[in-house]
C-alpha atoms as a PDB file:
ATOM      1  CA  UNK A   1      -3.513 -19.373  -6.541  1.00  0.00           C
ATOM      2  CA  UNK A   2      -4.649 -15.778  -7.063  1.00  0.00           C
ATOM      3  CA  UNK A   3      -2.110 -13.238  -7.717  1.00  0.00           C
ATOM      4  CA  UNK A   4      -2.083  -9.800  -9.267  1.00  0.00           C
ATOM      5  CA  UNK A   5       0.979  -9.995 -11.814  1.00  0.00           C
ATOM      6  CA  UNK A   6      -0.962  -8.938 -14.735  1.00  0.00           C
ATOM      7  CA  UNK A   7       0.820  -5.809 -16.090  1.00  0.00           C
ATOM      8  CA  UNK A   8       3.232  -3.438 -15.237  1.00  0.00           C
ATOM      9  CA  UNK A   9       1.513  -0.042 -14.599  1.00  0.00           C
ATOM     10  CA  UNK A  10       2.168   3.300 -12.637  1.00  0.00           C
ATOM     11  CA  UNK A  11      -0.058   3.989  -9.731  1.00  0.00           C
ATOM     12  CA  UNK A  12      -0.358   6.394  -6.780  1.00  0.00           C
ATOM     13  CA  UNK A  13      -1.226   6.204  -3.093  1.00  0.00           C
ATOM     14  CA  UNK A  14      -3.206   8.686  -1.500  1.00  0.00           C
ATOM     15  CA  UNK A  15      -0.506   9.022   1.206  1.00  0.00           C
ATOM     16  CA  UNK A  16       1.282  10.620  -1.585  1.00  0.00           C
ATOM     17  CA  UNK A  17      -1.538  13.360  -1.784  1.00  0.00           C
ATOM     18  CA  UNK A  18      -2.363  13.690   2.087  1.00  0.00           C
ATOM     19  CA  UNK A  19      -1.799  17.520   1.833  1.00  0.00           C
ATOM     20  CA  UNK A  20      -3.695  17.821  -1.317  1.00  0.00           C
ATOM     21  CA  UNK A  21      -6.480  16.189   0.794  1.00  0.00           C
ATOM     22  CA  UNK A  22      -6.340  18.535   3.504  1.00  0.00           C
ATOM     23  CA  UNK A  23      -4.220  16.508   5.905  1.00  0.00           C
ATOM     24  CA  UNK A  24      -6.968  14.268   7.595  1.00  0.00           C
ATOM     25  CA  UNK A  25      -5.985  12.940  10.979  1.00  0.00           C
ATOM     26  CA  UNK A  26      -4.922   9.403  11.375  1.00  0.00           C
ATOM     27  CA  UNK A  27      -6.981   6.873  13.058  1.00  0.00           C
ATOM     28  CA  UNK A  28      -6.293   3.489  14.254  1.00  0.00           C
ATOM     29  CA  UNK A  29      -7.765   0.485  16.420  1.00  0.00           C
ATOM     30  CA  UNK A  30     -10.287   1.853  18.565  1.00  0.00           C
ATOM     31  CA  UNK A  31     -10.405   5.375  17.521  1.00  0.00           C
ATOM     32  CA  UNK A  32     -13.411   7.292  16.172  1.00  0.00           C
ATOM     33  CA  UNK A  33     -13.211   8.481  12.794  1.00  0.00           C
ATOM     34  CA  UNK A  34     -12.259  12.247  12.868  1.00  0.00           C
ATOM     35  CA  UNK A  35     -14.661  13.337  10.109  1.00  0.00           C
ATOM     36  CA  UNK A  36     -14.199  16.960  11.077  1.00  0.00           C
ATOM     37  CA  UNK A  37     -10.613  16.731   9.811  1.00  0.00           C
ATOM     38  CA  UNK A  38     -11.548  15.818   6.151  1.00  0.00           C
ATOM     39  CA  UNK A  39     -12.620  17.700   3.022  1.00  0.00           C
ATOM     40  CA  UNK A  40     -10.339  20.485   3.740  1.00  0.00           C
ATOM     41  CA  UNK A  41      -7.949  20.237   1.139  1.00  0.00           C
ATOM     42  CA  UNK A  42      -7.615  21.319  -2.617  1.00  0.00           C
ATOM     43  CA  UNK A  43      -9.371  18.090  -3.696  1.00  0.00           C
ATOM     44  CA  UNK A  44     -11.855  15.790  -2.011  1.00  0.00           C
ATOM     45  CA  UNK A  45     -11.231  11.807  -2.055  1.00  0.00           C
ATOM     46  CA  UNK A  46     -14.090  11.954  -4.705  1.00  0.00           C
ATOM     47  CA  UNK A  47     -12.426  14.300  -6.807  1.00  0.00           C
ATOM     48  CA  UNK A  48      -9.220  12.659  -6.737  1.00  0.00           C
ATOM     49  CA  UNK A  49      -9.825   9.872  -9.367  1.00  0.00           C
ATOM     50  CA  UNK A  50     -10.374  12.407 -12.293  1.00  0.00           C
ATOM     51  CA  UNK A  51      -7.433  14.411 -11.369  1.00  0.00           C
ATOM     52  CA  UNK A  52      -5.224  11.852 -11.340  1.00  0.00           C
ATOM     53  CA  UNK A  53      -6.138  10.864 -14.918  1.00  0.00           C
ATOM     54  CA  UNK A  54      -4.948  14.331 -15.773  1.00  0.00           C
ATOM     55  CA  UNK A  55      -1.582  13.564 -14.137  1.00  0.00           C
ATOM     56  CA  UNK A  56      -1.493  10.465 -16.324  1.00  0.00           C
ATOM     57  CA  UNK A  57      -2.284   8.072 -13.941  1.00  0.00           C
ATOM     58  CA  UNK A  58      -5.186   5.481 -13.971  1.00  0.00           C
ATOM     59  CA  UNK A  59      -4.133   3.272 -11.021  1.00  0.00           C
ATOM     60  CA  UNK A  60      -4.532   4.333  -7.044  1.00  0.00           C
ATOM     61  CA  UNK A  61      -4.352   2.929  -3.697  1.00  0.00           C
ATOM     62  CA  UNK A  62      -6.382   4.445  -0.756  1.00  0.00           C
ATOM     63  CA  UNK A  63      -5.240   4.607   2.834  1.00  0.00           C
ATOM     64  CA  UNK A  64      -7.951   3.750   5.160  1.00  0.00           C
ATOM     65  CA  UNK A  65      -7.824   6.813   7.051  1.00  0.00           C
ATOM     66  CA  UNK A  66      -8.467   8.916   3.967  1.00  0.00           C
ATOM     67  CA  UNK A  67     -11.905   7.701   4.037  1.00  0.00           C
ATOM     68  CA  UNK A  68     -14.197  10.575   5.478  1.00  0.00           C
ATOM     69  CA  UNK A  69     -16.757   8.186   6.216  1.00  0.00           C
ATOM     70  CA  UNK A  70     -17.610   4.352   6.104  1.00  0.00           C
ATOM     71  CA  UNK A  71     -21.213   5.075   5.097  1.00  0.00           C
ATOM     72  CA  UNK A  72     -22.249   2.624   2.314  1.00  0.00           C
ATOM     73  CA  UNK A  73     -23.575   5.579   0.203  1.00  0.00           C
ATOM     74  CA  UNK A  74     -20.743   7.161   0.259  1.00  0.00           C
ATOM     75  CA  UNK A  75     -18.716   4.044  -0.551  1.00  0.00           C
ATOM     76  CA  UNK A  76     -20.882   3.614  -3.593  1.00  0.00           C
ATOM     77  CA  UNK A  77     -20.218   7.257  -4.614  1.00  0.00           C
ATOM     78  CA  UNK A  78     -16.423   6.840  -4.683  1.00  0.00           C
ATOM     79  CA  UNK A  79     -16.486   3.476  -6.456  1.00  0.00           C
ATOM     80  CA  UNK A  80     -18.912   5.200  -9.111  1.00  0.00           C
ATOM     81  CA  UNK A  81     -16.286   8.186  -9.198  1.00  0.00           C
ATOM     82  CA  UNK A  82     -13.262   5.780  -9.784  1.00  0.00           C
ATOM     83  CA  UNK A  83     -15.366   3.680 -12.474  1.00  0.00           C
ATOM     84  CA  UNK A  84     -16.393   7.027 -14.218  1.00  0.00           C
ATOM     85  CA  UNK A  85     -12.782   8.061 -14.399  1.00  0.00           C
ATOM     86  CA  UNK A  86     -11.742   4.347 -15.337  1.00  0.00           C
ATOM     87  CA  UNK A  87      -9.225   4.326 -12.421  1.00  0.00           C
ATOM     88  CA  UNK A  88      -8.491   1.069 -10.970  1.00  0.00           C
ATOM     89  CA  UNK A  89      -8.429   0.838  -7.173  1.00  0.00           C
ATOM     90  CA  UNK A  90      -5.545  -1.691  -6.790  1.00  0.00           C
ATOM     91  CA  UNK A  91      -5.585  -1.720  -3.105  1.00  0.00           C
ATOM     92  CA  UNK A  92      -6.965  -0.423   0.414  1.00  0.00           C
ATOM     93  CA  UNK A  93      -4.225   0.046   2.455  1.00  0.00           C
ATOM     94  CA  UNK A  94      -5.047  -0.551   6.219  1.00  0.00           C
ATOM     95  CA  UNK A  95      -2.263   1.227   8.018  1.00  0.00           C
ATOM     96  CA  UNK A  96      -2.942   0.094  11.687  1.00  0.00           C
ATOM     97  CA  UNK A  97      -3.107  -2.882  13.809  1.00  0.00           C
ATOM     98  CA  UNK A  98      -0.928  -5.751  15.133  1.00  0.00           C
ATOM     99  CA  UNK A  99      -2.086  -9.056  14.632  1.00  0.00           C
ATOM    100  CA  UNK A 100       1.194 -10.503  16.421  1.00  0.00           C
ATOM    101  CA  UNK A 101       0.286  -8.499  19.902  1.00  0.00           C
ATOM    102  CA  UNK A 102       0.445 -11.248  22.465  1.00  0.00           C
ATOM    103  CA  UNK A 103      -2.753  -9.574  24.208  1.00  0.00           C
ATOM    104  CA  UNK A 104      -4.272  -7.156  21.534  1.00  0.00           C
ATOM    105  CA  UNK A 105      -3.736  -9.361  18.565  1.00  0.00           C
ATOM    106  CA  UNK A 106      -7.229 -10.823  18.691  1.00  0.00           C
ATOM    107  CA  UNK A 107      -8.839  -7.151  19.030  1.00  0.00           C
ATOM    108  CA  UNK A 108      -6.744  -5.799  16.146  1.00  0.00           C
ATOM    109  CA  UNK A 109      -7.644  -8.856  13.922  1.00  0.00           C
ATOM    110  CA  UNK A 110     -11.305  -8.088  14.498  1.00  0.00           C
ATOM    111  CA  UNK A 111     -10.523  -4.435  13.497  1.00  0.00           C
ATOM    112  CA  UNK A 112      -8.754  -5.421  10.217  1.00  0.00           C
ATOM    113  CA  UNK A 113     -11.335  -7.752   9.326  1.00  0.00           C
ATOM    114  CA  UNK A 114     -14.041  -5.049   9.149  1.00  0.00           C
ATOM    115  CA  UNK A 115     -12.138  -3.231   6.401  1.00  0.00           C
ATOM    116  CA  UNK A 116     -12.461  -6.426   3.881  1.00  0.00           C
ATOM    117  CA  UNK A 117     -16.206  -5.307   3.551  1.00  0.00           C
ATOM    118  CA  UNK A 118     -15.162  -1.705   2.916  1.00  0.00           C
ATOM    119  CA  UNK A 119     -12.573  -3.041   0.310  1.00  0.00           C
ATOM    120  CA  UNK A 120     -15.217  -5.168  -1.305  1.00  0.00           C
ATOM    121  CA  UNK A 121     -17.678  -2.250  -1.469  1.00  0.00           C
ATOM    122  CA  UNK A 122     -15.182  -0.105  -3.029  1.00  0.00           C
ATOM    123  CA  UNK A 123     -14.129  -2.653  -5.931  1.00  0.00           C
ATOM    124  CA  UNK A 124     -10.733  -2.773  -4.628  1.00  0.00           C
ATOM    125  CA  UNK A 125      -8.619  -5.692  -6.015  1.00  0.00           C
ATOM    126  CA  UNK A 126      -6.539  -5.803  -2.859  1.00  0.00           C
ATOM    127  CA  UNK A 127      -6.378  -4.978   0.669  1.00  0.00           C
ATOM    128  CA  UNK A 128      -2.746  -4.514   2.232  1.00  0.00           C
ATOM    129  CA  UNK A 129      -2.196  -5.008   6.084  1.00  0.00           C
ATOM    130  CA  UNK A 130       0.478  -4.997   8.451  1.00  0.00           C
ATOM    131  CA  UNK A 131       2.027  -8.683   9.032  1.00  0.00           C
ATOM    132  CA  UNK A 132       2.943  -7.593  12.697  1.00  0.00           C
ATOM    133  CA  UNK A 133       4.864  -5.104  14.848  1.00  0.00           C
ATOM    134  CA  UNK A 134       6.437  -7.612  17.135  1.00  0.00           C
ATOM    135  CA  UNK A 135      10.026  -8.709  16.758  1.00  0.00           C
ATOM    136  CA  UNK A 136      10.357 -11.613  14.327  1.00  0.00           C
ATOM    137  CA  UNK A 137      10.192 -14.346  16.772  1.00  0.00           C
ATOM    138  CA  UNK A 138       8.945 -17.954  15.895  1.00  0.00           C
ATOM    139  CA  UNK A 139       5.889 -17.265  18.083  1.00  0.00           C
ATOM    140  CA  UNK A 140       5.332 -13.785  16.566  1.00  0.00           C
ATOM    141  CA  UNK A 141       5.556 -15.282  12.951  1.00  0.00           C
ATOM    142  CA  UNK A 142       3.326 -18.262  14.021  1.00  0.00           C
ATOM    143  CA  UNK A 143       0.692 -15.681  15.188  1.00  0.00           C
ATOM    144  CA  UNK A 144       1.086 -13.716  11.965  1.00  0.00           C
ATOM    145  CA  UNK A 145       0.684 -16.720   9.762  1.00  0.00           C
ATOM    146  CA  UNK A 146      -2.420 -17.786  11.744  1.00  0.00           C
ATOM    147  CA  UNK A 147      -4.009 -14.692  11.349  1.00  0.00           C
ATOM    148  CA  UNK A 148      -3.087 -13.722   7.862  1.00  0.00           C
ATOM    149  CA  UNK A 149      -4.623 -17.043   6.792  1.00  0.00           C
ATOM    150  CA  UNK A 150      -7.945 -16.193   8.340  1.00  0.00           C
ATOM    151  CA  UNK A 151      -7.851 -12.780   6.674  1.00  0.00           C
ATOM    152  CA  UNK A 152      -6.744 -14.467   3.441  1.00  0.00           C
ATOM    153  CA  UNK A 153      -9.600 -16.863   3.189  1.00  0.00           C
ATOM    154  CA  UNK A 154     -12.218 -14.211   4.163  1.00  0.00           C
ATOM    155  CA  UNK A 155     -10.807 -11.964   1.478  1.00  0.00           C
ATOM    156  CA  UNK A 156     -10.959 -14.419  -1.180  1.00  0.00           C
ATOM    157  CA  UNK A 157     -14.851 -14.933  -0.363  1.00  0.00           C
ATOM    158  CA  UNK A 158     -15.081 -11.083  -1.354  1.00  0.00           C
ATOM    159  CA  UNK A 159     -12.667 -11.493  -4.490  1.00  0.00           C
ATOM    160  CA  UNK A 160     -10.203  -9.440  -2.812  1.00  0.00           C
ATOM    161  CA  UNK A 161      -6.503 -10.468  -2.681  1.00  0.00           C
ATOM    162  CA  UNK A 162      -4.837  -9.853   0.771  1.00  0.00           C
ATOM    163  CA  UNK A 163      -1.423  -8.346   0.676  1.00  0.00           C
ATOM    164  CA  UNK A 164       1.196  -7.558   3.244  1.00  0.00           C
ATOM    165  CA  UNK A 165       4.493  -5.172   3.145  1.00  0.00           C
ATOM    166  CA  UNK A 166       8.042  -5.403   4.340  1.00  0.00           C
ATOM    167  CA  UNK A 167       7.275  -3.098   6.890  1.00  0.00           C
ATOM    168  CA  UNK A 168       7.394  -2.751  10.695  1.00  0.00           C
ATOM    169  CA  UNK A 169       9.481  -5.073  13.128  1.00  0.00           C
ATOM    170  CA  UNK A 170       8.076  -8.596  11.924  1.00  0.00           C
ATOM    171  CA  UNK A 171       9.088  -8.101   8.462  1.00  0.00           C
ATOM    172  CA  UNK A 172      12.176  -5.992   8.942  1.00  0.00           C
ATOM    173  CA  UNK A 173      14.528  -8.459   7.408  1.00  0.00           C
ATOM    174  CA  UNK A 174      14.655 -10.639   4.174  1.00  0.00           C
ATOM    175  CA  UNK A 175      14.919 -13.584   6.385  1.00  0.00           C
ATOM    176  CA  UNK A 176      11.729 -13.113   8.220  1.00  0.00           C
ATOM    177  CA  UNK A 177       9.709 -11.979   5.082  1.00  0.00           C
ATOM    178  CA  UNK A 178      10.822 -15.411   3.077  1.00  0.00           C
ATOM    179  CA  UNK A 179       9.961 -17.508   6.400  1.00  0.00           C
ATOM    180  CA  UNK A 180       6.602 -16.258   6.690  1.00  0.00           C
ATOM    181  CA  UNK A 181       5.665 -16.430   2.707  1.00  0.00           C
ATOM    182  CA  UNK A 182       6.977 -19.792   2.635  1.00  0.00           C
ATOM    183  CA  UNK A 183       4.388 -20.635   5.302  1.00  0.00           C
ATOM    184  CA  UNK A 184       1.604 -18.932   3.383  1.00  0.00           C
ATOM    185  CA  UNK A 185       2.307 -20.745   0.303  1.00  0.00           C
ATOM    186  CA  UNK A 186       0.826 -18.079  -2.110  1.00  0.00           C
ATOM    187  CA  UNK A 187      -2.139 -17.409   0.116  1.00  0.00           C
ATOM    188  CA  UNK A 188      -1.007 -13.742   0.564  1.00  0.00           C
ATOM    189  CA  UNK A 189       0.962 -11.246  -1.876  1.00  0.00           C
ATOM    190  CA  UNK A 190       3.734  -8.969  -1.062  1.00  0.00           C
ATOM    191  CA  UNK A 191       3.964  -5.356  -1.484  1.00  0.00           C
ATOM    192  CA  UNK A 192       7.599  -4.417  -1.841  1.00  0.00           C
ATOM    193  CA  UNK A 193       8.447  -1.065  -0.343  1.00  0.00           C
ATOM    194  CA  UNK A 194      11.538   0.761  -1.414  1.00  0.00           C
ATOM    195  CA  UNK A 195      11.507   3.194   1.508  1.00  0.00           C
ATOM    196  CA  UNK A 196      10.881   1.034   4.541  1.00  0.00           C
ATOM    197  CA  UNK A 197      14.283  -0.308   4.475  1.00  0.00           C
ATOM    198  CA  UNK A 198      17.446   1.918   4.998  1.00  0.00           C
ATOM    199  CA  UNK A 199      21.267   1.822   4.306  1.00  0.00           C
ATOM    200  CA  UNK A 200      23.143   0.630   1.610  1.00  0.00           C
ATOM    201  CA  UNK A 201      22.318  -3.094   2.597  1.00  0.00           C
ATOM    202  CA  UNK A 202      18.912  -2.288   1.700  1.00  0.00           C
ATOM    203  CA  UNK A 203      19.480  -3.160  -1.944  1.00  0.00           C
ATOM    204  CA  UNK A 204      20.764  -6.700  -1.223  1.00  0.00           C
ATOM    205  CA  UNK A 205      17.859  -7.198   1.036  1.00  0.00           C
ATOM    206  CA  UNK A 206      15.301  -6.039  -1.378  1.00  0.00           C
ATOM    207  CA  UNK A 207      16.766  -8.284  -4.229  1.00  0.00           C
ATOM    208  CA  UNK A 208      16.097 -11.216  -1.848  1.00  0.00           C
ATOM    209  CA  UNK A 209      12.607 -10.548  -1.784  1.00  0.00           C
ATOM    210  CA  UNK A 210      11.816  -8.722  -5.046  1.00  0.00           C
ATOM    211  CA  UNK A 211      10.592 -12.233  -6.857  1.00  0.00           C
ATOM    212  CA  UNK A 212       7.874 -12.570  -4.398  1.00  0.00           C
ATOM    213  CA  UNK A 213       6.581  -8.997  -4.965  1.00  0.00           C
ATOM    214  CA  UNK A 214       2.893  -8.357  -6.626  1.00  0.00           C
ATOM    215  CA  UNK A 215       3.064  -4.653  -6.188  1.00  0.00           C
ATOM    216  CA  UNK A 216       5.545  -2.117  -5.416  1.00  0.00           C
ATOM    217  CA  UNK A 217       5.705   1.139  -3.542  1.00  0.00           C
ATOM    218  CA  UNK A 218       8.144   3.206  -5.318  1.00  0.00           C
ATOM    219  CA  UNK A 219       9.358   5.786  -3.168  1.00  0.00           C
ATOM    220  CA  UNK A 220      12.183   7.970  -4.020  1.00  0.00           C
ATOM    221  CA  UNK A 221      14.390   9.984  -1.707  1.00  0.00           C
ATOM    222  CA  UNK A 222      14.853  13.874  -2.263  1.00  0.00           C
ATOM    223  CA  UNK A 223      18.179  15.397  -2.113  1.00  0.00           C
ATOM    224  CA  UNK A 224      16.704  18.977  -2.564  1.00  0.00           C
ATOM    225  CA  UNK A 225      13.443  20.506  -3.463  1.00  0.00           C
ATOM    226  CA  UNK A 226      12.023  18.555  -6.140  1.00  0.00           C
ATOM    227  CA  UNK A 227      15.312  16.806  -6.953  1.00  0.00           C
ATOM    228  CA  UNK A 228      15.275  13.175  -6.280  1.00  0.00           C
ATOM    229  CA  UNK A 229      17.881  10.682  -5.533  1.00  0.00           C
ATOM    230  CA  UNK A 230      18.235   9.220  -9.118  1.00  0.00           C
ATOM    231  CA  UNK A 231      20.933   6.759  -8.292  1.00  0.00           C
ATOM    232  CA  UNK A 232      18.922   5.290  -5.231  1.00  0.00           C
ATOM    233  CA  UNK A 233      15.682   5.233  -7.259  1.00  0.00           C
ATOM    234  CA  UNK A 234      17.125   3.707 -10.464  1.00  0.00           C
ATOM    235  CA  UNK A 235      18.867   1.035  -8.334  1.00  0.00           C
ATOM    236  CA  UNK A 236      15.647   0.057  -6.710  1.00  0.00           C
ATOM    237  CA  UNK A 237      13.861   0.077  -9.953  1.00  0.00           C
ATOM    238  CA  UNK A 238      16.339  -2.225 -11.706  1.00  0.00           C
ATOM    239  CA  UNK A 239      15.958  -4.822  -8.708  1.00  0.00           C
ATOM    240  CA  UNK A 240      12.204  -5.090  -9.830  1.00  0.00           C
ATOM    241  CA  UNK A 241      13.303  -5.269 -13.169  1.00  0.00           C
ATOM    242  CA  UNK A 242      15.810  -8.165 -12.691  1.00  0.00           C
ATOM    243  CA  UNK A 243      13.010  -9.896 -10.553  1.00  0.00           C
ATOM    244  CA  UNK A 244      10.713  -9.618 -13.708  1.00  0.00           C
ATOM    245  CA  UNK A 245       8.098  -7.709 -11.600  1.00  0.00           C
ATOM    246  CA  UNK A 246       4.786  -7.101 -13.408  1.00  0.00           C
ATOM    247  CA  UNK A 247       2.683  -5.208 -11.196  1.00  0.00           C
ATOM    248  CA  UNK A 248       1.759  -1.677 -10.198  1.00  0.00           C
ATOM    249  CA  UNK A 249       4.674   0.723  -9.259  1.00  0.00           C
ATOM    250  CA  UNK A 250       2.732   2.925  -6.860  1.00  0.00           C
ATOM    251  CA  UNK A 251       4.572   6.212  -6.551  1.00  0.00           C
ATOM    252  CA  UNK A 252       4.981   7.400  -2.719  1.00  0.00           C
ATOM    253  CA  UNK A 253       5.831  10.824  -2.263  1.00  0.00           C
ATOM    254  CA  UNK A 254       6.082  12.465   1.090  1.00  0.00           C
ATOM    255  CA  UNK A 255       8.884  14.978   0.680  1.00  0.00           C
ATOM    256  CA  UNK A 256       9.041  18.254   2.426  1.00  0.00           C
ATOM    257  CA  UNK A 257       7.858  20.278  -0.746  1.00  0.00           C
ATOM    258  CA  UNK A 258       4.294  21.169  -0.661  1.00  0.00           C
ATOM    259  CA  UNK A 259       3.649  20.738  -4.250  1.00  0.00           C
ATOM    260  CA  UNK A 260       2.710  16.990  -4.255  1.00  0.00           C
ATOM    261  CA  UNK A 261       1.987  16.856  -7.756  1.00  0.00           C
ATOM    262  CA  UNK A 262       5.276  18.275  -8.767  1.00  0.00           C
ATOM    263  CA  UNK A 263       7.039  15.513  -6.714  1.00  0.00           C
ATOM    264  CA  UNK A 264       5.070  12.855  -8.096  1.00  0.00           C
ATOM    265  CA  UNK A 265       5.668  13.877 -11.605  1.00  0.00           C
ATOM    266  CA  UNK A 266       9.344  13.757 -11.105  1.00  0.00           C
ATOM    267  CA  UNK A 267       8.753  10.122  -9.810  1.00  0.00           C
ATOM    268  CA  UNK A 268       6.620   9.324 -12.760  1.00  0.00           C
ATOM    269  CA  UNK A 269       9.169  10.527 -15.248  1.00  0.00           C
ATOM    270  CA  UNK A 270      11.673   7.907 -14.057  1.00  0.00           C
ATOM    271  CA  UNK A 271       9.041   5.023 -13.054  1.00  0.00           C
ATOM    272  CA  UNK A 272       7.416   5.165 -16.503  1.00  0.00           C
ATOM    273  CA  UNK A 273      10.771   3.907 -17.957  1.00  0.00           C
ATOM    274  CA  UNK A 274       9.737   0.598 -16.247  1.00  0.00           C
ATOM    275  CA  UNK A 275       6.270   0.157 -17.321  1.00  0.00           C
ATOM    276  CA  UNK A 276       6.922   0.622 -20.946  1.00  0.00           C
END
């Protein structure tokens, strides 16, 4: 069984640097790639790996809509930039598609499958997809299982590990996460996201699924400008420690303050304690 439990390390998602990249427009299933919204920020995606190293981070994840083109030449350039900076591309994050939709599921599955070739071309270790946006009925869980099994098999052919996340309606409870992963039997990895579940009950819920996690989206809440909610962040991080988590802690910053690097530095100062 292929897993990613190799070593704890700090990572960052390009979502945390959306403003730094110039705020490229989101696009999903059936949408044209909005190329004219790219390359308008302080850094291009090609320049980001080198800048991350300066910030003390050498692992990253890329949101699909942050790629300004899917041209093979560009993908090769980006892979070369990652390799030159010695930055690991842990995951390509495919942020749209509903494989559980009763009428559009097949269409969305076909769209998601196309990204497997992109992940392979970039040298990504993993590709994270949405398990489903439908409520977790037995029928929706079955549709998700069937589609994820197809994607996982095709990912393995490309030496890519398929991942999903406790995100959207299908995986909105620990019970549905556990039910799906019991069926998948190790074919798919779990990304544990701190920020997708809310309220005080989220801690017990995260504890239930943390032993399944192969990666972590370590998102902090910010009480005031650049001051993160230490109590919440540490409590979530402690859950991973108790679960013997040993994958990447991918920092997620989407606070209201514009200096994303400063926000990430605040998260890094806390998360770094969990990778030493």
